[in-house]
Amino acid sequence: MLPGITPAISDMIGCVFNRWTVTGYGGRDSRGKPLVFVRCSCGNSPEKPIDASNVKGGRSKSCGCLHRELVVVRNTTHGLTGDPTLQRCRNAWRRCYDEKLEYYPHYGGNPTDPVRLAPEWENDLVAMREYLVSTIGKCPGVDHFIDRIGYTDSEGKWRGGNYEPGNLRWATESQSVQNRGMLSTNTSGVKGVRIGRDGYVYGKVTSRGREWHKNFGLYTAETWDRAVEEVRSRREKMHAEYANHG
């Protein structure tokens, strides 16, 4: 191992981070921070050493080519200036790639499950719009945006997935809220069902300001199973196609 290189830096060599491929250890800068040599996938810039933490943390993604391409994407409308459907596509793109956007940390900036656009749409939002129009139709109203349908992974956890074919639909804010997975603060392991401090099992489902709730009685295996089954059934009735059991 080279002098001054740490196992963490060594593990980065050969890995790809956004458009950077780490090719080697670059020593340390004047402040003692480790550097790594990187090569951009565009092939138009020479290898250079940059701050390893910026590469791994995603603060540096490319030699500058990605930014230039994304500027073109944002400003290209093909005669569709003001088109609501194209605007919703642009909003989805911003959630994935615009680090200045308020919601970016929950989408493209999510450290464990970053959200992306399908590769064929990253630089062609008009193609994304054409797909939407041909499959789910044009944006139906000013209060609608592109919602990800999502899926349940092998561990039973709900994932929103990417903005990609087969995973998109139109939704209002209230409908999208219904489609959210289980909150990180959930302690029961079942969305909408909990055991109160009094030992009773409670179920709750909310929809557009309406709330259904029920006390199923003292906790037993039987009351728990009955609560889970009834909450799921009630959610499917109230949330319809947007029902998400977490």
C-alpha atoms as a PDB file:
ATOM      1  CA  MET A   1       0.000   0.000   0.000  1.00  0.00           C
ATOM      2  CA  LEU A   2       1.276   3.454  -0.886  1.00  0.00           C
ATOM      3  CA  PRO A   3       2.466   5.702   1.959  1.00  0.00           C
ATOM      4  CA  GLY A   4      -0.360   7.828   3.355  1.00  0.00           C
ATOM      5  CA  ILE A   5      -3.146   5.917   1.632  1.00  0.00           C
ATOM      6  CA  THR A   6      -5.950   4.672   3.852  1.00  0.00           C
ATOM      7  CA  PRO A   7      -8.057   1.519   3.320  1.00  0.00           C
ATOM      8  CA  ALA A   8     -11.064   3.728   2.502  1.00  0.00           C
ATOM      9  CA  ILE A   9      -9.155   5.482  -0.296  1.00  0.00           C
ATOM     10  CA  SER A  10      -7.733   2.191  -1.527  1.00  0.00           C
ATOM     11  CA  ASP A  11     -11.251   0.789  -1.797  1.00  0.00           C
ATOM     12  CA  MET A  12     -12.260   3.720  -4.033  1.00  0.00           C
ATOM     13  CA  ILE A  13      -9.680   2.914  -6.710  1.00  0.00           C
ATOM     14  CA  GLY A  14     -11.384   1.387  -9.722  1.00  0.00           C
ATOM     15  CA  CYS A  15     -14.853   2.444  -8.580  1.00  0.00           C
ATOM     16  CA  VAL A  16     -17.222   4.707 -10.509  1.00  0.00           C
ATOM     17  CA  PHE A  17     -18.856   7.724  -8.846  1.00  0.00           C
ATOM     18  CA  ASN A  18     -21.307   9.471 -11.162  1.00  0.00           C
ATOM     19  CA  ARG A  19     -19.093  10.185 -14.217  1.00  0.00           C
ATOM     20  CA  TRP A  20     -15.795   9.847 -12.383  1.00  0.00           C
ATOM     21  CA  THR A  21     -13.728   6.670 -12.384  1.00  0.00           C
ATOM     22  CA  VAL A  22     -11.098   6.665  -9.633  1.00  0.00           C
ATOM     23  CA  THR A  23      -7.779   5.589 -11.150  1.00  0.00           C
ATOM     24  CA  GLY A  24      -5.333   6.054  -8.290  1.00  0.00           C
ATOM     25  CA  TYR A  25      -4.184   7.779  -5.124  1.00  0.00           C
ATOM     26  CA  GLY A  26      -3.221  11.430  -5.561  1.00  0.00           C
ATOM     27  CA  GLY A  27      -1.500  12.188  -2.262  1.00  0.00           C
ATOM     28  CA  ARG A  28      -2.756  14.958   0.013  1.00  0.00           C
ATOM     29  CA  ASP A  29      -3.492  18.629  -0.499  1.00  0.00           C
ATOM     30  CA  SER A  30      -2.082  21.541   1.518  1.00  0.00           C
ATOM     31  CA  ARG A  31      -4.683  20.922   4.236  1.00  0.00           C
ATOM     32  CA  GLY A  32      -3.844  17.256   4.505  1.00  0.00           C
ATOM     33  CA  LYS A  33      -6.997  16.000   2.768  1.00  0.00           C
ATOM     34  CA  PRO A  34      -6.573  12.874   0.630  1.00  0.00           C
ATOM     35  CA  LEU A  35      -6.781  13.258  -3.144  1.00  0.00           C
ATOM     36  CA  VAL A  36      -7.616  10.716  -5.824  1.00  0.00           C
ATOM     37  CA  PHE A  37      -6.896  10.707  -9.540  1.00  0.00           C
ATOM     38  CA  VAL A  38     -10.094  10.569 -11.583  1.00  0.00           C
ATOM     39  CA  ARG A  39     -11.040  10.126 -15.221  1.00  0.00           C
ATOM     40  CA  CYS A  40     -14.327  11.454 -16.629  1.00  0.00           C
ATOM     41  CA  SER A  41     -16.463   9.139 -18.754  1.00  0.00           C
ATOM     42  CA  CYS A  42     -16.820  11.811 -21.457  1.00  0.00           C
ATOM     43  CA  GLY A  43     -13.175  11.215 -22.385  1.00  0.00           C
ATOM     44  CA  ASN A  44     -12.555  14.890 -23.093  1.00  0.00           C
ATOM     45  CA  SER A  45     -10.486  15.824 -20.048  1.00  0.00           C
ATOM     46  CA  PRO A  46      -7.162  14.536 -18.687  1.00  0.00           C
ATOM     47  CA  GLU A  47      -6.901  12.647 -15.413  1.00  0.00           C
ATOM     48  CA  LYS A  48      -6.514  14.935 -12.446  1.00  0.00           C
ATOM     49  CA  PRO A  49      -6.370  14.725  -8.639  1.00  0.00           C
ATOM     50  CA  ILE A  50      -9.367  16.024  -6.663  1.00  0.00           C
ATOM     51  CA  ASP A  51     -10.639  15.811  -3.093  1.00  0.00           C
ATOM     52  CA  ALA A  52     -11.639  12.196  -2.416  1.00  0.00           C
ATOM     53  CA  SER A  53     -14.510  13.210  -0.130  1.00  0.00           C
ATOM     54  CA  ASN A  54     -16.032  15.357  -2.886  1.00  0.00           C
ATOM     55  CA  VAL A  55     -15.943  12.414  -5.284  1.00  0.00           C
ATOM     56  CA  LYS A  56     -17.410   9.897  -2.848  1.00  0.00           C
ATOM     57  CA  GLY A  57     -19.984  12.348  -1.487  1.00  0.00           C
ATOM     58  CA  GLY A  58     -21.209  13.334  -4.956  1.00  0.00           C
ATOM     59  CA  ARG A  59     -20.256  17.002  -4.641  1.00  0.00           C
ATOM     60  CA  SER A  60     -18.089  16.542  -7.720  1.00  0.00           C
ATOM     61  CA  LYS A  61     -19.746  14.470 -10.440  1.00  0.00           C
ATOM     62  CA  SER A  62     -17.835  15.177 -13.653  1.00  0.00           C
ATOM     63  CA  CYS A  63     -15.270  17.371 -15.374  1.00  0.00           C
ATOM     64  CA  GLY A  64     -18.062  19.870 -16.068  1.00  0.00           C
ATOM     65  CA  CYS A  65     -19.612  18.027 -19.003  1.00  0.00           C
ATOM     66  CA  LEU A  66     -22.635  16.913 -16.963  1.00  0.00           C
ATOM     67  CA  HIS A  67     -23.470  20.485 -15.972  1.00  0.00           C
ATOM     68  CA  ARG A  68     -23.200  21.664 -19.575  1.00  0.00           C
ATOM     69  CA  GLU A  69     -25.484  18.884 -20.781  1.00  0.00           C
ATOM     70  CA  LEU A  70     -28.047  19.547 -18.082  1.00  0.00           C
ATOM     71  CA  VAL A  71     -28.137  23.241 -18.923  1.00  0.00           C
ATOM     72  CA  VAL A  72     -29.039  22.231 -22.481  1.00  0.00           C
ATOM     73  CA  VAL A  73     -31.768  19.905 -21.153  1.00  0.00           C
ATOM     74  CA  ARG A  74     -33.283  22.661 -19.015  1.00  0.00           C
ATOM     75  CA  ASN A  75     -33.334  25.146 -21.887  1.00  0.00           C
ATOM     76  CA  THR A  76     -34.483  22.844 -24.704  1.00  0.00           C
ATOM     77  CA  THR A  77     -38.246  22.926 -25.344  1.00  0.00           C
ATOM     78  CA  HIS A  78     -38.662  22.107 -29.076  1.00  0.00           C
ATOM     79  CA  GLY A  79     -41.588  24.521 -29.365  1.00  0.00           C
ATOM     80  CA  LEU A  80     -43.166  23.287 -26.134  1.00  0.00           C
ATOM     81  CA  THR A  81     -42.479  26.357 -24.004  1.00  0.00           C
ATOM     82  CA  GLY A  82     -45.083  26.503 -21.256  1.00  0.00           C
ATOM     83  CA  ASP A  83     -46.332  22.960 -21.929  1.00  0.00           C
ATOM     84  CA  PRO A  84     -47.604  21.587 -18.566  1.00  0.00           C
ATOM     85  CA  THR A  85     -46.497  18.001 -19.254  1.00  0.00           C
ATOM     86  CA  LEU A  86     -42.963  19.032 -20.222  1.00  0.00           C
ATOM     87  CA  GLN A  87     -42.835  21.269 -17.143  1.00  0.00           C
ATOM     88  CA  ARG A  88     -43.699  18.294 -14.922  1.00  0.00           C
ATOM     89  CA  CYS A  89     -40.878  16.349 -16.601  1.00  0.00           C
ATOM     90  CA  ARG A  90     -38.510  19.214 -15.857  1.00  0.00           C
ATOM     91  CA  ASN A  91     -39.670  19.254 -12.215  1.00  0.00           C
ATOM     92  CA  ALA A  92     -38.951  15.534 -11.921  1.00  0.00           C
ATOM     93  CA  TRP A  93     -35.503  16.095 -13.416  1.00  0.00           C
ATOM     94  CA  ARG A  94     -34.794  18.850 -10.877  1.00  0.00           C
ATOM     95  CA  ARG A  95     -35.742  16.589  -7.971  1.00  0.00           C
ATOM     96  CA  CYS A  96     -33.133  14.126  -9.207  1.00  0.00           C
ATOM     97  CA  TYR A  97     -30.265  16.404 -10.255  1.00  0.00           C
ATOM     98  CA  ASP A  98     -30.667  19.967  -8.979  1.00  0.00           C
ATOM     99  CA  GLU A  99     -28.723  20.108  -5.719  1.00  0.00           C
ATOM    100  CA  LYS A 100     -30.133  23.562  -4.934  1.00  0.00           C
ATOM    101  CA  LEU A 101     -33.718  22.296  -4.910  1.00  0.00           C
ATOM    102  CA  GLU A 102     -35.343  21.955  -1.482  1.00  0.00           C
ATOM    103  CA  TYR A 103     -36.505  18.397  -2.182  1.00  0.00           C
ATOM    104  CA  TYR A 104     -33.231  17.149  -3.693  1.00  0.00           C
ATOM    105  CA  PRO A 105     -32.061  15.395  -0.463  1.00  0.00           C
ATOM    106  CA  HIS A 106     -35.172  13.191  -0.598  1.00  0.00           C
ATOM    107  CA  TYR A 107     -34.702  12.281  -4.263  1.00  0.00           C
ATOM    108  CA  GLY A 108     -31.400  12.495  -6.147  1.00  0.00           C
ATOM    109  CA  GLY A 109     -29.539  13.339  -2.939  1.00  0.00           C
ATOM    110  CA  ASN A 110     -30.913  10.422  -0.934  1.00  0.00           C
ATOM    111  CA  PRO A 111     -27.704   8.731   0.313  1.00  0.00           C
ATOM    112  CA  THR A 112     -29.179   5.213   0.517  1.00  0.00           C
ATOM    113  CA  ASP A 113     -31.657   5.161  -2.366  1.00  0.00           C
ATOM    114  CA  PRO A 114     -31.000   8.000  -4.865  1.00  0.00           C
ATOM    115  CA  VAL A 115     -33.745   8.604  -7.427  1.00  0.00           C
ATOM    116  CA  ARG A 116     -32.834   8.991 -11.091  1.00  0.00           C
ATOM    117  CA  LEU A 117     -34.500   9.467 -14.447  1.00  0.00           C
ATOM    118  CA  ALA A 118     -34.316   6.612 -16.926  1.00  0.00           C
ATOM    119  CA  PRO A 119     -30.979   6.953 -18.793  1.00  0.00           C
ATOM    120  CA  GLU A 120     -32.726   7.690 -22.087  1.00  0.00           C
ATOM    121  CA  TRP A 121     -34.522  10.661 -20.496  1.00  0.00           C
ATOM    122  CA  GLU A 122     -31.702  12.296 -18.545  1.00  0.00           C
ATOM    123  CA  ASN A 123     -30.739  14.438 -21.518  1.00  0.00           C
ATOM    124  CA  ASP A 124     -34.012  14.288 -23.425  1.00  0.00           C
ATOM    125  CA  LEU A 125     -37.061  15.479 -21.486  1.00  0.00           C
ATOM    126  CA  VAL A 126     -39.055  15.762 -24.703  1.00  0.00           C
ATOM    127  CA  ALA A 127     -38.723  11.984 -25.087  1.00  0.00           C
ATOM    128  CA  MET A 128     -39.958  11.598 -21.512  1.00  0.00           C
ATOM    129  CA  ARG A 129     -42.935  13.826 -22.321  1.00  0.00           C
ATOM    130  CA  GLU A 130     -43.734  11.783 -25.435  1.00  0.00           C
ATOM    131  CA  TYR A 131     -43.699   8.601 -23.369  1.00  0.00           C
ATOM    132  CA  LEU A 132     -46.089  10.081 -20.803  1.00  0.00           C
ATOM    133  CA  VAL A 133     -48.494  11.374 -23.447  1.00  0.00           C
ATOM    134  CA  SER A 134     -48.582   7.981 -25.183  1.00  0.00           C
ATOM    135  CA  THR A 135     -49.068   5.942 -21.995  1.00  0.00           C
ATOM    136  CA  ILE A 136     -50.799   7.910 -19.225  1.00  0.00           C
ATOM    137  CA  GLY A 137     -51.798  11.018 -21.153  1.00  0.00           C
ATOM    138  CA  LYS A 138     -51.002  14.701 -20.798  1.00  0.00           C
ATOM    139  CA  CYS A 139     -50.848  16.396 -17.401  1.00  0.00           C
ATOM    140  CA  PRO A 140     -54.522  16.409 -16.312  1.00  0.00           C
ATOM    141  CA  GLY A 141     -54.470  19.525 -14.124  1.00  0.00           C
ATOM    142  CA  VAL A 142     -52.468  22.247 -12.441  1.00  0.00           C
ATOM    143  CA  ASP A 143     -52.440  20.297  -9.152  1.00  0.00           C
ATOM    144  CA  HIS A 144     -51.002  17.114 -10.705  1.00  0.00           C
ATOM    145  CA  PHE A 145     -47.395  15.972 -10.938  1.00  0.00           C
ATOM    146  CA  ILE A 146     -45.526  12.812 -11.934  1.00  0.00           C
ATOM    147  CA  ASP A 147     -45.794  10.186  -9.208  1.00  0.00           C
ATOM    148  CA  ARG A 148     -43.674   7.049  -8.932  1.00  0.00           C
ATOM    149  CA  ILE A 149     -45.799   3.937  -8.365  1.00  0.00           C
ATOM    150  CA  GLY A 150     -43.047   2.096  -6.496  1.00  0.00           C
ATOM    151  CA  TYR A 151     -42.683  -1.532  -5.436  1.00  0.00           C
ATOM    152  CA  THR A 152     -42.028  -3.730  -2.395  1.00  0.00           C
ATOM    153  CA  ASP A 153     -38.502  -5.159  -2.256  1.00  0.00           C
ATOM    154  CA  SER A 154     -37.421  -8.632  -1.144  1.00  0.00           C
ATOM    155  CA  GLU A 155     -37.296  -7.472   2.479  1.00  0.00           C
ATOM    156  CA  GLY A 156     -40.870  -6.201   2.379  1.00  0.00           C
ATOM    157  CA  LYS A 157     -39.847  -2.545   2.323  1.00  0.00           C
ATOM    158  CA  TRP A 158     -41.530  -0.138  -0.061  1.00  0.00           C
ATOM    159  CA  ARG A 159     -39.278   1.572  -2.613  1.00  0.00           C
ATOM    160  CA  GLY A 160     -40.350   4.437  -4.833  1.00  0.00           C
ATOM    161  CA  GLY A 161     -38.037   3.423  -7.654  1.00  0.00           C
ATOM    162  CA  ASN A 162     -36.844   5.719 -10.430  1.00  0.00           C
ATOM    163  CA  TYR A 163     -38.655   7.888 -12.931  1.00  0.00           C
ATOM    164  CA  GLU A 164     -38.721   5.200 -15.591  1.00  0.00           C
ATOM    165  CA  PRO A 165     -41.157   3.457 -17.959  1.00  0.00           C
ATOM    166  CA  GLY A 166     -43.828   1.452 -16.162  1.00  0.00           C
ATOM    167  CA  ASN A 167     -43.368   3.266 -12.854  1.00  0.00           C
ATOM    168  CA  LEU A 168     -45.146   6.554 -13.543  1.00  0.00           C
ATOM    169  CA  ARG A 169     -48.635   7.979 -13.137  1.00  0.00           C
ATOM    170  CA  TRP A 170     -50.290  11.322 -12.533  1.00  0.00           C
ATOM    171  CA  ALA A 171     -51.176  12.210  -8.943  1.00  0.00           C
ATOM    172  CA  THR A 172     -52.164  15.129  -6.776  1.00  0.00           C
ATOM    173  CA  GLU A 173     -50.254  15.906  -3.580  1.00  0.00           C
ATOM    174  CA  SER A 174     -52.873  14.159  -1.419  1.00  0.00           C
ATOM    175  CA  GLN A 175     -52.797  11.060  -3.625  1.00  0.00           C
ATOM    176  CA  SER A 176     -49.008  10.972  -3.529  1.00  0.00           C
ATOM    177  CA  VAL A 177     -49.046  11.158   0.276  1.00  0.00           C
ATOM    178  CA  GLN A 178     -51.224   8.032   0.287  1.00  0.00           C
ATOM    179  CA  ASN A 179     -48.571   6.274  -1.779  1.00  0.00           C
ATOM    180  CA  ARG A 180     -45.787   6.887   0.729  1.00  0.00           C
ATOM    181  CA  GLY A 181     -44.188   3.982   2.533  1.00  0.00           C
ATOM    182  CA  MET A 182     -43.994   3.377   6.246  1.00  0.00           C
ATOM    183  CA  LEU A 183     -42.522   6.231   8.258  1.00  0.00           C
ATOM    184  CA  SER A 184     -39.081   5.751   9.816  1.00  0.00           C
ATOM    185  CA  THR A 185     -40.658   6.494  13.214  1.00  0.00           C
ATOM    186  CA  ASN A 186     -42.967   3.473  12.960  1.00  0.00           C
ATOM    187  CA  THR A 187     -42.266   1.010  15.796  1.00  0.00           C
ATOM    188  CA  SER A 188     -44.918  -1.647  15.130  1.00  0.00           C
ATOM    189  CA  GLY A 189     -43.621  -2.779  11.756  1.00  0.00           C
ATOM    190  CA  VAL A 190     -47.078  -2.370  10.181  1.00  0.00           C
ATOM    191  CA  LYS A 191     -48.310   0.831   8.567  1.00  0.00           C
ATOM    192  CA  GLY A 192     -51.411   2.208  10.278  1.00  0.00           C
ATOM    193  CA  VAL A 193     -51.417  -0.226  13.195  1.00  0.00           C
ATOM    194  CA  ARG A 194     -49.927   0.373  16.621  1.00  0.00           C
ATOM    195  CA  ILE A 195     -50.056  -0.827  20.213  1.00  0.00           C
ATOM    196  CA  GLY A 196     -50.836   2.006  22.628  1.00  0.00           C
ATOM    197  CA  ARG A 197     -49.309   2.488  26.034  1.00  0.00           C
ATOM    198  CA  ASP A 198     -52.532   1.095  27.464  1.00  0.00           C
ATOM    199  CA  GLY A 199     -51.905  -2.225  25.715  1.00  0.00           C
ATOM    200  CA  TYR A 200     -54.719  -1.779  23.185  1.00  0.00           C
ATOM    201  CA  VAL A 201     -54.321  -2.249  19.443  1.00  0.00           C
ATOM    202  CA  TYR A 202     -55.261   0.792  17.322  1.00  0.00           C
ATOM    203  CA  GLY A 203     -55.721   1.151  13.597  1.00  0.00           C
ATOM    204  CA  LYS A 204     -55.883   4.346  11.521  1.00  0.00           C
ATOM    205  CA  VAL A 205     -56.174   5.323   7.870  1.00  0.00           C
ATOM    206  CA  THR A 206     -56.368   8.915   6.612  1.00  0.00           C
ATOM    207  CA  SER A 207     -57.355  10.253   3.199  1.00  0.00           C
ATOM    208  CA  ARG A 208     -57.843  13.859   2.035  1.00  0.00           C
ATOM    209  CA  GLY A 209     -58.607  15.168   5.498  1.00  0.00           C
ATOM    210  CA  ARG A 210     -60.829  12.217   6.413  1.00  0.00           C
ATOM    211  CA  GLU A 211     -59.733   9.779   9.107  1.00  0.00           C
ATOM    212  CA  TRP A 212     -60.906   6.293   9.933  1.00  0.00           C
ATOM    213  CA  HIS A 213     -59.710   4.843  13.237  1.00  0.00           C
ATOM    214  CA  LYS A 214     -60.635   1.917  15.424  1.00  0.00           C
ATOM    215  CA  ASN A 215     -59.766   0.377  18.795  1.00  0.00           C
ATOM    216  CA  PHE A 216     -59.433  -3.386  18.327  1.00  0.00           C
ATOM    217  CA  GLY A 217     -59.093  -4.192  22.030  1.00  0.00           C
ATOM    218  CA  LEU A 218     -56.273  -5.470  24.211  1.00  0.00           C
ATOM    219  CA  TYR A 219     -53.314  -6.870  22.358  1.00  0.00           C
ATOM    220  CA  THR A 220     -53.414 -10.557  21.504  1.00  0.00           C
ATOM    221  CA  ALA A 221     -52.189 -12.354  18.407  1.00  0.00           C
ATOM    222  CA  GLU A 222     -55.825 -12.510  17.272  1.00  0.00           C
ATOM    223  CA  THR A 223     -56.599  -8.803  17.712  1.00  0.00           C
ATOM    224  CA  TRP A 224     -53.320  -7.867  16.042  1.00  0.00           C
ATOM    225  CA  ASP A 225     -54.022  -9.990  12.958  1.00  0.00           C
ATOM    226  CA  ARG A 226     -57.584  -8.661  12.775  1.00  0.00           C
ATOM    227  CA  ALA A 227     -56.322  -5.067  12.983  1.00  0.00           C
ATOM    228  CA  VAL A 228     -53.734  -5.604  10.242  1.00  0.00           C
ATOM    229  CA  GLU A 229     -56.280  -7.201   7.932  1.00  0.00           C
ATOM    230  CA  GLU A 230     -58.962  -4.555   8.476  1.00  0.00           C
ATOM    231  CA  VAL A 231     -56.557  -1.615   8.141  1.00  0.00           C
ATOM    232  CA  ARG A 232     -55.275  -2.986   4.834  1.00  0.00           C
ATOM    233  CA  SER A 233     -58.825  -3.504   3.578  1.00  0.00           C
ATOM    234  CA  ARG A 234     -59.886  -0.019   4.674  1.00  0.00           C
ATOM    235  CA  ARG A 235     -56.806   1.560   3.055  1.00  0.00           C
ATOM    236  CA  GLU A 236     -57.533  -0.134  -0.266  1.00  0.00           C
ATOM    237  CA  LYS A 237     -61.088   1.247  -0.194  1.00  0.00           C
ATOM    238  CA  MET A 238     -60.038   4.783   0.774  1.00  0.00           C
ATOM    239  CA  HIS A 239     -56.841   5.055  -1.281  1.00  0.00           C
ATOM    240  CA  ALA A 240     -57.840   2.870  -4.260  1.00  0.00           C
ATOM    241  CA  GLU A 241     -54.955   2.595  -6.753  1.00  0.00           C
ATOM    242  CA  TYR A 242     -52.698   4.710  -4.525  1.00  0.00           C
ATOM    243  CA  ALA A 243     -52.967   2.327  -1.545  1.00  0.00           C
ATOM    244  CA  ASN A 244     -49.513   1.570  -0.134  1.00  0.00           C
ATOM    245  CA  HIS A 245     -49.228  -0.859   2.763  1.00  0.00           C
ATOM    246  CA  GLY A 246     -45.642   0.125   3.481  1.00  0.00           C
END
